[in-house]
Amino acid sequence: MAVPFRRTSKTKKRMRRTHLKKEAPTVTTCPKCGASIKPHRACPKCGNYKGENVLKVEEEK
């Protein structure tokens, strides 16, 4: 079984792991109602997408 000859330094280890970080999800605001939504999706609050009513949304009582 192969064993590394030398220990991996902290710098090398951290350089290798730089792309493993978490990213915050992208969020945009609906131009009609101002709700926070994911981009390129219909708004679940008002049902609009690109200025057109795409979903039928029932209003809360």
PDB file of N, CA and C in Angstrom:
ATOM      1  N   MET A   1       0.840  -1.178   0.000  1.00  0.00           N
ATOM      2  CA  MET A   1       0.000   0.000   0.000  1.00  0.00           C
ATOM      3  C   MET A   1       0.881   1.236   0.000  1.00  0.00           C
ATOM      4  N   ALA A   2       0.562   2.207  -0.867  1.00  0.00           N
ATOM      5  CA  ALA A   2       1.373   3.415  -1.001  1.00  0.00           C
ATOM      6  C   ALA A   2       1.105   4.366   0.152  1.00  0.00           C
ATOM      7  N   VAL A   3       2.187   4.945   0.642  1.00  0.00           N
ATOM      8  CA  VAL A   3       2.115   5.911   1.740  1.00  0.00           C
ATOM      9  C   VAL A   3       2.842   7.168   1.282  1.00  0.00           C
ATOM     10  N   PRO A   4       2.269   8.360   1.526  1.00  0.00           N
ATOM     11  CA  PRO A   4       2.945   9.585   1.119  1.00  0.00           C
ATOM     12  C   PRO A   4       4.305   9.714   1.800  1.00  0.00           C
ATOM     13  N   PHE A   5       5.313  10.138   1.046  1.00  0.00           N
ATOM     14  CA  PHE A   5       6.664  10.264   1.586  1.00  0.00           C
ATOM     15  C   PHE A   5       6.749  11.430   2.559  1.00  0.00           C
ATOM     16  N   ARG A   6       6.063  12.536   2.196  1.00  0.00           N
ATOM     17  CA  ARG A   6       6.085  13.710   3.070  1.00  0.00           C
ATOM     18  C   ARG A   6       4.649  14.134   3.407  1.00  0.00           C
ATOM     19  N   ARG A   7       4.510  14.805   4.522  1.00  0.00           N
ATOM     20  CA  ARG A   7       3.214  15.300   4.952  1.00  0.00           C
ATOM     21  C   ARG A   7       2.779  16.456   4.054  1.00  0.00           C
ATOM     22  N   THR A   8       1.475  16.529   3.733  1.00  0.00           N
ATOM     23  CA  THR A   8       0.947  17.640   2.942  1.00  0.00           C
ATOM     24  C   THR A   8       0.870  18.876   3.810  1.00  0.00           C
ATOM     25  N   SER A   9       1.439  19.969   3.330  1.00  0.00           N
ATOM     26  CA  SER A   9       1.480  21.201   4.119  1.00  0.00           C
ATOM     27  C   SER A   9       0.085  21.821   4.228  1.00  0.00           C
ATOM     28  N   LYS A  10      -0.069  22.733   5.171  1.00  0.00           N
ATOM     29  CA  LYS A  10      -1.354  23.418   5.362  1.00  0.00           C
ATOM     30  C   LYS A  10      -1.721  24.221   4.120  1.00  0.00           C
ATOM     31  N   THR A  11      -0.728  24.854   3.519  1.00  0.00           N
ATOM     32  CA  THR A  11      -0.991  25.666   2.339  1.00  0.00           C
ATOM     33  C   THR A  11      -1.491  24.824   1.176  1.00  0.00           C
ATOM     34  N   LYS A  12      -0.820  23.720   0.912  1.00  0.00           N
ATOM     35  CA  LYS A  12      -1.237  22.837  -0.177  1.00  0.00           C
ATOM     36  C   LYS A  12      -2.638  22.289   0.063  1.00  0.00           C
ATOM     37  N   LYS A  13      -2.919  21.906   1.293  1.00  0.00           N
ATOM     38  CA  LYS A  13      -4.225  21.348   1.649  1.00  0.00           C
ATOM     39  C   LYS A  13      -5.318  22.396   1.459  1.00  0.00           C
ATOM     40  N   ARG A  14      -5.048  23.610   1.882  1.00  0.00           N
ATOM     41  CA  ARG A  14      -6.043  24.685   1.782  1.00  0.00           C
ATOM     42  C   ARG A  14      -6.239  25.144   0.336  1.00  0.00           C
ATOM     43  N   MET A  15      -5.160  25.139  -0.446  1.00  0.00           N
ATOM     44  CA  MET A  15      -5.283  25.490  -1.864  1.00  0.00           C
ATOM     45  C   MET A  15      -6.146  24.475  -2.599  1.00  0.00           C
ATOM     46  N   ARG A  16      -6.039  23.223  -2.239  1.00  0.00           N
ATOM     47  CA  ARG A  16      -6.827  22.170  -2.866  1.00  0.00           C
ATOM     48  C   ARG A  16      -8.303  22.287  -2.500  1.00  0.00           C
ATOM     49  N   ARG A  17      -8.592  22.781  -1.322  1.00  0.00           N
ATOM     50  CA  ARG A  17      -9.979  22.829  -0.826  1.00  0.00           C
ATOM     51  C   ARG A  17     -10.661  24.175  -1.024  1.00  0.00           C
ATOM     52  N   THR A  18     -10.063  25.092  -1.755  1.00  0.00           N
ATOM     53  CA  THR A  18     -10.662  26.422  -1.903  1.00  0.00           C
ATOM     54  C   THR A  18     -12.003  26.388  -2.616  1.00  0.00           C
ATOM     55  N   HIS A  19     -12.219  25.426  -3.509  1.00  0.00           N
ATOM     56  CA  HIS A  19     -13.469  25.369  -4.262  1.00  0.00           C
ATOM     57  C   HIS A  19     -14.567  24.612  -3.525  1.00  0.00           C
ATOM     58  N   LEU A  20     -14.335  24.147  -2.323  1.00  0.00           N
ATOM     59  CA  LEU A  20     -15.333  23.375  -1.581  1.00  0.00           C
ATOM     60  C   LEU A  20     -16.217  24.240  -0.687  1.00  0.00           C
ATOM     61  N   LYS A  21     -16.097  25.549  -0.794  1.00  0.00           N
ATOM     62  CA  LYS A  21     -16.859  26.436   0.080  1.00  0.00           C
ATOM     63  C   LYS A  21     -18.332  26.491  -0.334  1.00  0.00           C
ATOM     64  N   LYS A  22     -19.189  26.822   0.598  1.00  0.00           N
ATOM     65  CA  LYS A  22     -20.616  26.959   0.318  1.00  0.00           C
ATOM     66  C   LYS A  22     -20.886  28.352  -0.240  1.00  0.00           C
ATOM     67  N   GLU A  23     -21.900  28.442  -1.068  1.00  0.00           N
ATOM     68  CA  GLU A  23     -22.303  29.714  -1.643  1.00  0.00           C
ATOM     69  C   GLU A  23     -23.736  30.025  -1.227  1.00  0.00           C
ATOM     70  N   ALA A  24     -24.013  31.310  -1.071  1.00  0.00           N
ATOM     71  CA  ALA A  24     -25.365  31.729  -0.731  1.00  0.00           C
ATOM     72  C   ALA A  24     -26.256  31.571  -1.960  1.00  0.00           C
ATOM     73  N   PRO A  25     -27.517  31.146  -1.786  1.00  0.00           N
ATOM     74  CA  PRO A  25     -28.401  30.985  -2.937  1.00  0.00           C
ATOM     75  C   PRO A  25     -28.733  32.337  -3.573  1.00  0.00           C
ATOM     76  N   THR A  26     -28.859  32.340  -4.893  1.00  0.00           N
ATOM     77  CA  THR A  26     -29.192  33.562  -5.614  1.00  0.00           C
ATOM     78  C   THR A  26     -30.681  33.843  -5.452  1.00  0.00           C
ATOM     79  N   VAL A  27     -30.994  35.080  -5.072  1.00  0.00           N
ATOM     80  CA  VAL A  27     -32.383  35.467  -4.836  1.00  0.00           C
ATOM     81  C   VAL A  27     -32.628  36.806  -5.510  1.00  0.00           C
ATOM     82  N   THR A  28     -33.746  36.931  -6.202  1.00  0.00           N
ATOM     83  CA  THR A  28     -34.148  38.193  -6.804  1.00  0.00           C
ATOM     84  C   THR A  28     -35.503  38.592  -6.231  1.00  0.00           C
ATOM     85  N   THR A  29     -35.939  39.792  -6.559  1.00  0.00           N
ATOM     86  CA  THR A  29     -37.240  40.261  -6.085  1.00  0.00           C
ATOM     87  C   THR A  29     -38.219  40.304  -7.245  1.00  0.00           C
ATOM     88  N   CYS A  30     -39.439  39.970  -6.953  1.00  0.00           N
ATOM     89  CA  CYS A  30     -40.507  40.010  -7.951  1.00  0.00           C
ATOM     90  C   CYS A  30     -40.811  41.475  -8.268  1.00  0.00           C
ATOM     91  N   PRO A  31     -40.837  41.860  -9.556  1.00  0.00           N
ATOM     92  CA  PRO A  31     -41.102  43.268  -9.882  1.00  0.00           C
ATOM     93  C   PRO A  31     -42.527  43.710  -9.574  1.00  0.00           C
ATOM     94  N   LYS A  32     -43.459  42.770  -9.489  1.00  0.00           N
ATOM     95  CA  LYS A  32     -44.854  43.142  -9.245  1.00  0.00           C
ATOM     96  C   LYS A  32     -45.171  43.241  -7.752  1.00  0.00           C
ATOM     97  N   CYS A  33     -44.840  42.175  -6.984  1.00  0.00           N
ATOM     98  CA  CYS A  33     -45.237  42.171  -5.564  1.00  0.00           C
ATOM     99  C   CYS A  33     -44.058  42.372  -4.612  1.00  0.00           C
ATOM    100  N   GLY A  34     -42.818  42.236  -5.092  1.00  0.00           N
ATOM    101  CA  GLY A  34     -41.652  42.466  -4.245  1.00  0.00           C
ATOM    102  C   GLY A  34     -41.228  41.282  -3.400  1.00  0.00           C
ATOM    103  N   ALA A  35     -41.789  40.110  -3.655  1.00  0.00           N
ATOM    104  CA  ALA A  35     -41.425  38.917  -2.889  1.00  0.00           C
ATOM    105  C   ALA A  35     -40.059  38.393  -3.348  1.00  0.00           C
ATOM    106  N   SER A  36     -39.356  37.712  -2.459  1.00  0.00           N
ATOM    107  CA  SER A  36     -38.069  37.116  -2.803  1.00  0.00           C
ATOM    108  C   SER A  36     -38.310  35.791  -3.520  1.00  0.00           C
ATOM    109  N   ILE A  37     -37.726  35.657  -4.712  1.00  0.00           N
ATOM    110  CA  ILE A  37     -37.904  34.452  -5.513  1.00  0.00           C
ATOM    111  C   ILE A  37     -36.572  34.041  -6.122  1.00  0.00           C
ATOM    112  N   LYS A  38     -36.488  32.780  -6.574  1.00  0.00           N
ATOM    113  CA  LYS A  38     -35.327  32.324  -7.323  1.00  0.00           C
ATOM    114  C   LYS A  38     -35.433  32.876  -8.738  1.00  0.00           C
ATOM    115  N   PRO A  39     -34.307  33.168  -9.381  1.00  0.00           N
ATOM    116  CA  PRO A  39     -34.382  33.721 -10.739  1.00  0.00           C
ATOM    117  C   PRO A  39     -34.907  32.716 -11.748  1.00  0.00           C
ATOM    118  N   HIS A  40     -35.552  33.212 -12.795  1.00  0.00           N
ATOM    119  CA  HIS A  40     -36.096  32.435 -13.903  1.00  0.00           C
ATOM    120  C   HIS A  40     -37.185  31.467 -13.452  1.00  0.00           C
ATOM    121  N   ARG A  41     -37.975  31.883 -12.484  1.00  0.00           N
ATOM    122  CA  ARG A  41     -39.102  31.077 -12.003  1.00  0.00           C
ATOM    123  C   ARG A  41     -40.306  31.987 -11.771  1.00  0.00           C
ATOM    124  N   ALA A  42     -41.489  31.416 -11.865  1.00  0.00           N
ATOM    125  CA  ALA A  42     -42.695  32.184 -11.607  1.00  0.00           C
ATOM    126  C   ALA A  42     -42.803  32.482 -10.118  1.00  0.00           C
ATOM    127  N   CYS A  43     -43.335  33.639  -9.792  1.00  0.00           N
ATOM    128  CA  CYS A  43     -43.482  34.050  -8.394  1.00  0.00           C
ATOM    129  C   CYS A  43     -44.588  33.233  -7.730  1.00  0.00           C
ATOM    130  N   PRO A  44     -44.286  32.564  -6.618  1.00  0.00           N
ATOM    131  CA  PRO A  44     -45.339  31.775  -5.953  1.00  0.00           C
ATOM    132  C   PRO A  44     -46.376  32.645  -5.244  1.00  0.00           C
ATOM    133  N   LYS A  45     -46.064  33.907  -4.979  1.00  0.00           N
ATOM    134  CA  LYS A  45     -47.005  34.787  -4.276  1.00  0.00           C
ATOM    135  C   LYS A  45     -48.063  35.367  -5.210  1.00  0.00           C
ATOM    136  N   CYS A  46     -47.618  35.898  -6.378  1.00  0.00           N
ATOM    137  CA  CYS A  46     -48.574  36.544  -7.280  1.00  0.00           C
ATOM    138  C   CYS A  46     -48.774  35.782  -8.586  1.00  0.00           C
ATOM    139  N   GLY A  47     -47.864  34.848  -8.933  1.00  0.00           N
ATOM    140  CA  GLY A  47     -48.027  34.016 -10.117  1.00  0.00           C
ATOM    141  C   GLY A  47     -47.550  34.650 -11.405  1.00  0.00           C
ATOM    142  N   ASN A  48     -46.758  35.711 -11.337  1.00  0.00           N
ATOM    143  CA  ASN A  48     -46.270  36.372 -12.552  1.00  0.00           C
ATOM    144  C   ASN A  48     -44.883  35.900 -12.924  1.00  0.00           C
ATOM    145  N   TYR A  49     -44.628  35.904 -14.252  1.00  0.00           N
ATOM    146  CA  TYR A  49     -43.298  35.619 -14.774  1.00  0.00           C
ATOM    147  C   TYR A  49     -43.103  36.479 -16.012  1.00  0.00           C
ATOM    148  N   LYS A  50     -42.116  37.331 -15.997  1.00  0.00           N
ATOM    149  CA  LYS A  50     -41.794  38.250 -17.098  1.00  0.00           C
ATOM    150  C   LYS A  50     -43.008  39.108 -17.477  1.00  0.00           C
ATOM    151  N   GLY A  51     -43.719  39.594 -16.483  1.00  0.00           N
ATOM    152  CA  GLY A  51     -44.840  40.490 -16.722  1.00  0.00           C
ATOM    153  C   GLY A  51     -46.136  39.822 -17.118  1.00  0.00           C
ATOM    154  N   GLU A  52     -46.169  38.505 -17.208  1.00  0.00           N
ATOM    155  CA  GLU A  52     -47.390  37.791 -17.575  1.00  0.00           C
ATOM    156  C   GLU A  52     -47.871  36.936 -16.409  1.00  0.00           C
ATOM    157  N   ASN A  53     -49.179  36.834 -16.252  1.00  0.00           N
ATOM    158  CA  ASN A  53     -49.746  35.990 -15.210  1.00  0.00           C
ATOM    159  C   ASN A  53     -49.723  34.548 -15.697  1.00  0.00           C
ATOM    160  N   VAL A  54     -48.918  33.711 -15.045  1.00  0.00           N
ATOM    161  CA  VAL A  54     -48.710  32.334 -15.496  1.00  0.00           C
ATOM    162  C   VAL A  54     -49.404  31.348 -14.576  1.00  0.00           C
ATOM    163  N   LEU A  55     -49.463  31.648 -13.282  1.00  0.00           N
ATOM    164  CA  LEU A  55     -50.071  30.747 -12.301  1.00  0.00           C
ATOM    165  C   LEU A  55     -51.330  31.369 -11.713  1.00  0.00           C
ATOM    166  N   LYS A  56     -52.290  30.505 -11.402  1.00  0.00           N
ATOM    167  CA  LYS A  56     -53.467  30.961 -10.680  1.00  0.00           C
ATOM    168  C   LYS A  56     -53.195  30.796  -9.192  1.00  0.00           C
ATOM    169  N   VAL A  57     -53.121  31.911  -8.465  1.00  0.00           N
ATOM    170  CA  VAL A  57     -52.806  31.884  -7.050  1.00  0.00           C
ATOM    171  C   VAL A  57     -54.021  32.347  -6.267  1.00  0.00           C
ATOM    172  N   GLU A  58     -54.443  31.520  -5.310  1.00  0.00           N
ATOM    173  CA  GLU A  58     -55.568  31.907  -4.462  1.00  0.00           C
ATOM    174  C   GLU A  58     -55.094  32.858  -3.381  1.00  0.00           C
ATOM    175  N   GLU A  59     -55.856  33.890  -3.122  1.00  0.00           N
ATOM    176  CA  GLU A  59     -55.503  34.861  -2.078  1.00  0.00           C
ATOM    177  C   GLU A  59     -55.825  34.292  -0.717  1.00  0.00           C
ATOM    178  N   GLU A  60     -54.963  34.657   0.260  1.00  0.00           N
ATOM    179  CA  GLU A  60     -55.187  34.203   1.638  1.00  0.00           C
ATOM    180  C   GLU A  60     -56.354  34.972   2.249  1.00  0.00           C
ATOM    181  N   LYS A  61     -57.093  34.292   3.126  1.00  0.00           N
ATOM    182  CA  LYS A  61     -58.249  34.922   3.767  1.00  0.00           C
ATOM    183  C   LYS A  61     -57.827  35.681   4.997  1.00  0.00           C
TER     184      LYS A  61
END
